[in-house]
Amino acid sequence: MKQVLENRQNIKPIIEAIMLCGRQNMPLRGHIDWGRLHVDDNLQNNQGNFREIIRYRAQGDDVLRSILESERKVKYLSNTSQNAIIDSCNSVLLS
């Protein structure tokens, strides 16, 4: 049960960022939408709305920062994860 609660806490900022982009009618993806996301790296290349929101939020969210900086593979930032979250939100809204 502890792991379930931790996983929910970990994915919550990802879901909120996707929902924010949806509410504001902003596309999620940009030209550079893959690879490791470095929280403190202010790249001149725009990484897309979703990744930039996550990067910005992680600067003040220690839990999110630790997830992004960890060596764990699952971070829910991939296009596949984004699409799965969008589909799940859609199912909840339509039910």
C-alpha atoms as a PDB file:
ATOM      1  CA  MET A   1       0.000   0.000   0.000  1.00  0.00           C
ATOM      2  CA  LYS A   2       2.883   2.349   0.789  1.00  0.00           C
ATOM      3  CA  GLN A   3       4.297   1.854  -2.718  1.00  0.00           C
ATOM      4  CA  VAL A   4       0.898   2.623  -4.287  1.00  0.00           C
ATOM      5  CA  LEU A   5       0.646   5.895  -2.361  1.00  0.00           C
ATOM      6  CA  GLU A   6       4.203   6.806  -3.312  1.00  0.00           C
ATOM      7  CA  ASN A   7       3.535   6.080  -6.995  1.00  0.00           C
ATOM      8  CA  ARG A   8       0.420   8.263  -6.890  1.00  0.00           C
ATOM      9  CA  GLN A   9       2.393  11.094  -5.339  1.00  0.00           C
ATOM     10  CA  ASN A  10       5.083  10.689  -8.001  1.00  0.00           C
ATOM     11  CA  ILE A  11       2.720  10.811 -10.969  1.00  0.00           C
ATOM     12  CA  LYS A  12       0.458  13.603  -9.683  1.00  0.00           C
ATOM     13  CA  PRO A  13       2.602  16.532 -10.961  1.00  0.00           C
ATOM     14  CA  ILE A  14       2.863  14.829 -14.361  1.00  0.00           C
ATOM     15  CA  ILE A  15      -0.921  14.506 -14.614  1.00  0.00           C
ATOM     16  CA  GLU A  16      -1.420  18.091 -13.438  1.00  0.00           C
ATOM     17  CA  ALA A  17       1.007  19.409 -16.084  1.00  0.00           C
ATOM     18  CA  ILE A  18      -0.794  17.483 -18.833  1.00  0.00           C
ATOM     19  CA  MET A  19      -4.160  18.769 -17.606  1.00  0.00           C
ATOM     20  CA  LEU A  20      -2.818  22.348 -17.505  1.00  0.00           C
ATOM     21  CA  CYS A  21      -1.678  22.086 -21.115  1.00  0.00           C
ATOM     22  CA  GLY A  22      -5.096  20.712 -22.060  1.00  0.00           C
ATOM     23  CA  ARG A  23      -7.016  23.473 -20.256  1.00  0.00           C
ATOM     24  CA  GLN A  24      -4.860  26.134 -21.881  1.00  0.00           C
ATOM     25  CA  ASN A  25      -5.093  24.432 -25.293  1.00  0.00           C
ATOM     26  CA  MET A  26      -1.296  24.169 -25.428  1.00  0.00           C
ATOM     27  CA  PRO A  27       0.476  21.416 -27.350  1.00  0.00           C
ATOM     28  CA  LEU A  28       2.476  19.095 -25.124  1.00  0.00           C
ATOM     29  CA  ARG A  29       5.404  18.360 -27.366  1.00  0.00           C
ATOM     30  CA  GLY A  30       8.151  20.371 -28.974  1.00  0.00           C
ATOM     31  CA  HIS A  31      11.099  19.657 -31.229  1.00  0.00           C
ATOM     32  CA  ILE A  32      13.184  18.191 -28.398  1.00  0.00           C
ATOM     33  CA  ASP A  33      10.857  15.892 -26.524  1.00  0.00           C
ATOM     34  CA  TRP A  34      12.994  12.982 -25.428  1.00  0.00           C
ATOM     35  CA  GLY A  35      15.905  12.112 -23.236  1.00  0.00           C
ATOM     36  CA  ARG A  36      16.793  13.048 -19.708  1.00  0.00           C
ATOM     37  CA  LEU A  37      15.241  16.220 -18.323  1.00  0.00           C
ATOM     38  CA  HIS A  38      17.774  18.306 -16.412  1.00  0.00           C
ATOM     39  CA  VAL A  39      16.003  20.479 -13.847  1.00  0.00           C
ATOM     40  CA  ASP A  40      18.663  23.167 -13.469  1.00  0.00           C
ATOM     41  CA  ASP A  41      19.739  23.267 -17.103  1.00  0.00           C
ATOM     42  CA  ASN A  42      18.255  26.344 -18.767  1.00  0.00           C
ATOM     43  CA  LEU A  43      18.751  25.144 -22.307  1.00  0.00           C
ATOM     44  CA  GLN A  44      18.228  27.610 -25.067  1.00  0.00           C
ATOM     45  CA  ASN A  45      16.289  24.963 -26.968  1.00  0.00           C
ATOM     46  CA  ASN A  46      12.620  24.782 -26.058  1.00  0.00           C
ATOM     47  CA  GLN A  47      11.796  21.240 -24.970  1.00  0.00           C
ATOM     48  CA  GLY A  48       8.047  21.636 -25.432  1.00  0.00           C
ATOM     49  CA  ASN A  49       5.390  22.978 -23.097  1.00  0.00           C
ATOM     50  CA  PHE A  50       4.975  19.816 -21.030  1.00  0.00           C
ATOM     51  CA  ARG A  51       8.678  19.257 -20.371  1.00  0.00           C
ATOM     52  CA  GLU A  52       9.281  22.945 -19.639  1.00  0.00           C
ATOM     53  CA  ILE A  53       6.386  23.007 -17.143  1.00  0.00           C
ATOM     54  CA  ILE A  54       7.758  19.885 -15.458  1.00  0.00           C
ATOM     55  CA  ARG A  55      11.271  21.361 -15.375  1.00  0.00           C
ATOM     56  CA  TYR A  56       9.987  24.626 -13.891  1.00  0.00           C
ATOM     57  CA  ARG A  57       7.828  22.867 -11.320  1.00  0.00           C
ATOM     58  CA  ALA A  58      10.682  20.584 -10.241  1.00  0.00           C
ATOM     59  CA  GLN A  59      12.723  23.622  -9.256  1.00  0.00           C
ATOM     60  CA  GLY A  60      10.371  24.067  -6.283  1.00  0.00           C
ATOM     61  CA  ASP A  61       9.166  20.491  -5.760  1.00  0.00           C
ATOM     62  CA  ASP A  62      11.747  18.291  -4.048  1.00  0.00           C
ATOM     63  CA  VAL A  63       9.810  15.070  -4.679  1.00  0.00           C
ATOM     64  CA  LEU A  64       9.517  15.738  -8.418  1.00  0.00           C
ATOM     65  CA  ARG A  65      13.147  16.860  -8.588  1.00  0.00           C
ATOM     66  CA  SER A  66      14.308  13.631  -6.930  1.00  0.00           C
ATOM     67  CA  ILE A  67      12.305  11.573  -9.436  1.00  0.00           C
ATOM     68  CA  LEU A  68      13.751  13.441 -12.405  1.00  0.00           C
ATOM     69  CA  GLU A  69      17.301  13.244 -11.064  1.00  0.00           C
ATOM     70  CA  SER A  70      17.090   9.586 -10.049  1.00  0.00           C
ATOM     71  CA  GLU A  71      18.475   6.737 -12.093  1.00  0.00           C
ATOM     72  CA  ARG A  72      15.110   5.011 -12.235  1.00  0.00           C
ATOM     73  CA  LYS A  73      13.867   4.447 -15.724  1.00  0.00           C
ATOM     74  CA  VAL A  74      10.141   5.183 -15.303  1.00  0.00           C
ATOM     75  CA  LYS A  75       9.528   8.925 -15.052  1.00  0.00           C
ATOM     76  CA  TYR A  76       6.295   9.192 -17.076  1.00  0.00           C
ATOM     77  CA  LEU A  77       7.761  11.785 -19.462  1.00  0.00           C
ATOM     78  CA  SER A  78       7.678   9.761 -22.684  1.00  0.00           C
ATOM     79  CA  ASN A  79       5.178  10.323 -25.481  1.00  0.00           C
ATOM     80  CA  THR A  80       3.694   6.912 -24.704  1.00  0.00           C
ATOM     81  CA  SER A  81       3.167   7.817 -21.043  1.00  0.00           C
ATOM     82  CA  GLN A  82       1.696  11.191 -21.985  1.00  0.00           C
ATOM     83  CA  ASN A  83      -0.780   9.529 -24.343  1.00  0.00           C
ATOM     84  CA  ALA A  84      -1.762   6.937 -21.722  1.00  0.00           C
ATOM     85  CA  ILE A  85      -2.407   9.683 -19.163  1.00  0.00           C
ATOM     86  CA  ILE A  86      -4.441  11.678 -21.691  1.00  0.00           C
ATOM     87  CA  ASP A  87      -6.522   8.575 -22.480  1.00  0.00           C
ATOM     88  CA  SER A  88      -7.091   7.929 -18.768  1.00  0.00           C
ATOM     89  CA  CYS A  89      -8.174  11.533 -18.151  1.00  0.00           C
ATOM     90  CA  ASN A  90     -10.496  11.291 -21.143  1.00  0.00           C
ATOM     91  CA  SER A  91     -12.072   8.106 -19.775  1.00  0.00           C
ATOM     92  CA  VAL A  92     -12.659   9.726 -16.377  1.00  0.00           C
ATOM     93  CA  LEU A  93     -14.207  12.833 -17.934  1.00  0.00           C
ATOM     94  CA  LEU A  94     -16.521  10.841 -20.190  1.00  0.00           C
ATOM     95  CA  SER A  95     -17.715   8.406 -17.510  1.00  0.00           C
END
